[in-house]
Amino acid sequence: MSAHEAAPLRGRHVRVVAAELWSIENNLSGANMDFEEFAGAVDSDDAFRGF
C-alpha cells in the first residue's frame, strides 16, 4: 500500500485490553490479519477483548 492509499486510514485506532495486545501486535506485524479485522471485533465498549 502506498502512502497515498494509506492517507484516509491515518488516525484510525482500536482500544485494546492489555491481555490481548500481543494478539494484535503479532498478527499485524506478521501480516496474518488486517487492522479492519480487529476494528470489526470490538465490543459494546469499543474495546478489543479477543476473538
N, C-alpha and C. Protein backbone atom coordinates (compact mmCIF):
# COMPACT_ATOMS: atom_id res chain seq x y z
N MET A 1 0.86 -1.17 0.00
CA MET A 1 0.00 0.00 0.00
C MET A 1 0.90 1.23 0.00
N SER A 2 0.61 2.15 -0.87
CA SER A 2 1.40 3.38 -0.94
C SER A 2 0.94 4.35 0.15
N ALA A 3 1.76 5.36 0.39
CA ALA A 3 1.41 6.38 1.38
C ALA A 3 0.15 7.11 0.97
N HIS A 4 -0.05 7.29 -0.32
CA HIS A 4 -1.25 7.96 -0.83
C HIS A 4 -2.50 7.14 -0.52
N GLU A 5 -2.42 5.83 -0.71
CA GLU A 5 -3.56 4.95 -0.43
C GLU A 5 -3.85 4.87 1.06
N ALA A 6 -2.82 4.96 1.90
CA ALA A 6 -2.97 4.83 3.35
C ALA A 6 -3.48 6.11 4.00
N ALA A 7 -3.39 7.24 3.33
CA ALA A 7 -3.76 8.53 3.92
C ALA A 7 -5.15 8.54 4.54
N PRO A 8 -6.20 7.99 3.89
CA PRO A 8 -7.53 8.02 4.52
C PRO A 8 -7.61 7.16 5.80
N LEU A 9 -6.66 6.26 6.00
CA LEU A 9 -6.69 5.38 7.17
C LEU A 9 -5.97 5.97 8.38
N ARG A 10 -5.21 7.02 8.19
CA ARG A 10 -4.47 7.62 9.31
C ARG A 10 -5.43 8.13 10.37
N GLY A 11 -5.03 7.96 11.61
CA GLY A 11 -5.84 8.42 12.71
C GLY A 11 -6.84 7.40 13.22
N ARG A 12 -6.97 6.29 12.51
CA ARG A 12 -7.88 5.24 12.98
C ARG A 12 -7.22 4.53 14.14
N HIS A 13 -8.02 4.06 15.06
CA HIS A 13 -7.46 3.39 16.23
C HIS A 13 -8.43 2.34 16.77
N VAL A 14 -7.88 1.46 17.59
CA VAL A 14 -8.66 0.44 18.28
C VAL A 14 -8.19 0.43 19.73
N ARG A 15 -9.13 0.48 20.65
CA ARG A 15 -8.78 0.31 22.06
C ARG A 15 -8.65 -1.18 22.31
N VAL A 16 -7.71 -1.57 23.16
CA VAL A 16 -7.48 -3.00 23.40
C VAL A 16 -7.13 -3.21 24.88
N VAL A 17 -7.65 -4.29 25.44
CA VAL A 17 -7.28 -4.63 26.81
C VAL A 17 -5.84 -5.16 26.78
N ALA A 18 -5.09 -4.90 27.83
CA ALA A 18 -3.66 -5.26 27.86
C ALA A 18 -3.40 -6.73 27.58
N ALA A 19 -4.26 -7.59 28.05
CA ALA A 19 -4.06 -9.04 27.88
C ALA A 19 -4.14 -9.48 26.42
N GLU A 20 -4.72 -8.66 25.54
CA GLU A 20 -4.86 -9.03 24.13
C GLU A 20 -3.96 -8.22 23.20
N LEU A 21 -3.15 -7.34 23.76
CA LEU A 21 -2.27 -6.52 22.93
C LEU A 21 -1.31 -7.37 22.11
N TRP A 22 -0.79 -8.45 22.68
CA TRP A 22 0.13 -9.33 21.97
C TRP A 22 -0.51 -9.87 20.69
N SER A 23 -1.81 -10.17 20.75
CA SER A 23 -2.51 -10.74 19.60
C SER A 23 -2.51 -9.77 18.42
N ILE A 24 -2.80 -8.52 18.70
CA ILE A 24 -2.81 -7.53 17.64
C ILE A 24 -1.41 -7.32 17.09
N GLU A 25 -0.44 -7.15 17.96
CA GLU A 25 0.94 -6.91 17.52
C GLU A 25 1.46 -8.07 16.68
N ASN A 26 1.28 -9.27 17.14
CA ASN A 26 1.80 -10.44 16.42
C ASN A 26 1.11 -10.62 15.06
N ASN A 27 -0.19 -10.45 15.01
CA ASN A 27 -0.91 -10.68 13.76
C ASN A 27 -0.72 -9.55 12.75
N LEU A 28 -0.58 -8.32 13.20
CA LEU A 28 -0.32 -7.23 12.26
C LEU A 28 1.11 -7.27 11.76
N SER A 29 2.07 -7.49 12.64
CA SER A 29 3.47 -7.50 12.20
C SER A 29 3.78 -8.69 11.31
N GLY A 30 3.09 -9.79 11.50
CA GLY A 30 3.28 -10.97 10.66
C GLY A 30 2.38 -10.98 9.44
N ALA A 31 1.58 -9.94 9.27
CA ALA A 31 0.65 -9.80 8.15
C ALA A 31 -0.34 -10.97 8.07
N ASN A 32 -0.68 -11.54 9.22
CA ASN A 32 -1.68 -12.60 9.26
C ASN A 32 -3.10 -12.05 9.19
N MET A 33 -3.28 -10.84 9.72
CA MET A 33 -4.60 -10.21 9.77
C MET A 33 -4.46 -8.74 9.43
N ASP A 34 -5.57 -8.12 9.07
CA ASP A 34 -5.60 -6.69 8.77
C ASP A 34 -6.20 -5.93 9.94
N PHE A 35 -5.91 -4.64 9.97
CA PHE A 35 -6.45 -3.77 11.01
C PHE A 35 -7.97 -3.86 11.07
N GLU A 36 -8.61 -3.92 9.91
CA GLU A 36 -10.07 -3.95 9.86
C GLU A 36 -10.66 -5.14 10.60
N GLU A 37 -9.95 -6.25 10.63
CA GLU A 37 -10.44 -7.43 11.35
C GLU A 37 -10.51 -7.17 12.85
N PHE A 38 -9.51 -6.47 13.37
CA PHE A 38 -9.52 -6.13 14.80
C PHE A 38 -10.55 -5.04 15.09
N ALA A 39 -10.61 -4.05 14.21
CA ALA A 39 -11.57 -2.96 14.39
C ALA A 39 -13.00 -3.47 14.36
N GLY A 40 -13.25 -4.51 13.58
CA GLY A 40 -14.59 -5.07 13.49
C GLY A 40 -14.95 -6.00 14.63
N ALA A 41 -13.98 -6.30 15.49
CA ALA A 41 -14.21 -7.24 16.59
C ALA A 41 -14.29 -6.55 17.95
N VAL A 42 -14.53 -5.24 17.97
CA VAL A 42 -14.65 -4.55 19.25
C VAL A 42 -16.01 -4.84 19.88
N ASP A 43 -16.07 -4.72 21.19
CA ASP A 43 -17.32 -4.99 21.90
C ASP A 43 -18.14 -3.71 22.07
N SER A 44 -19.16 -3.77 22.88
CA SER A 44 -20.05 -2.62 23.07
C SER A 44 -19.35 -1.44 23.74
N ASP A 45 -18.21 -1.68 24.39
CA ASP A 45 -17.41 -0.61 24.98
C ASP A 45 -16.36 -0.08 24.01
N ASP A 46 -16.43 -0.53 22.75
CA ASP A 46 -15.47 -0.16 21.71
C ASP A 46 -14.04 -0.56 22.05
N ALA A 47 -13.89 -1.70 22.71
CA ALA A 47 -12.57 -2.24 23.05
C ALA A 47 -12.44 -3.64 22.50
N PHE A 48 -11.26 -3.96 21.98
CA PHE A 48 -10.98 -5.31 21.52
C PHE A 48 -10.58 -6.15 22.74
N ARG A 49 -11.29 -7.24 22.95
CA ARG A 49 -11.03 -8.11 24.10
C ARG A 49 -10.70 -9.54 23.66
N GLY A 50 -10.42 -9.72 22.38
CA GLY A 50 -10.08 -11.03 21.86
C GLY A 50 -11.21 -11.58 21.01
N PHE A 51 -10.90 -12.68 20.35
CA PHE A 51 -11.89 -13.33 19.47
C PHE A 51 -12.63 -14.42 20.19
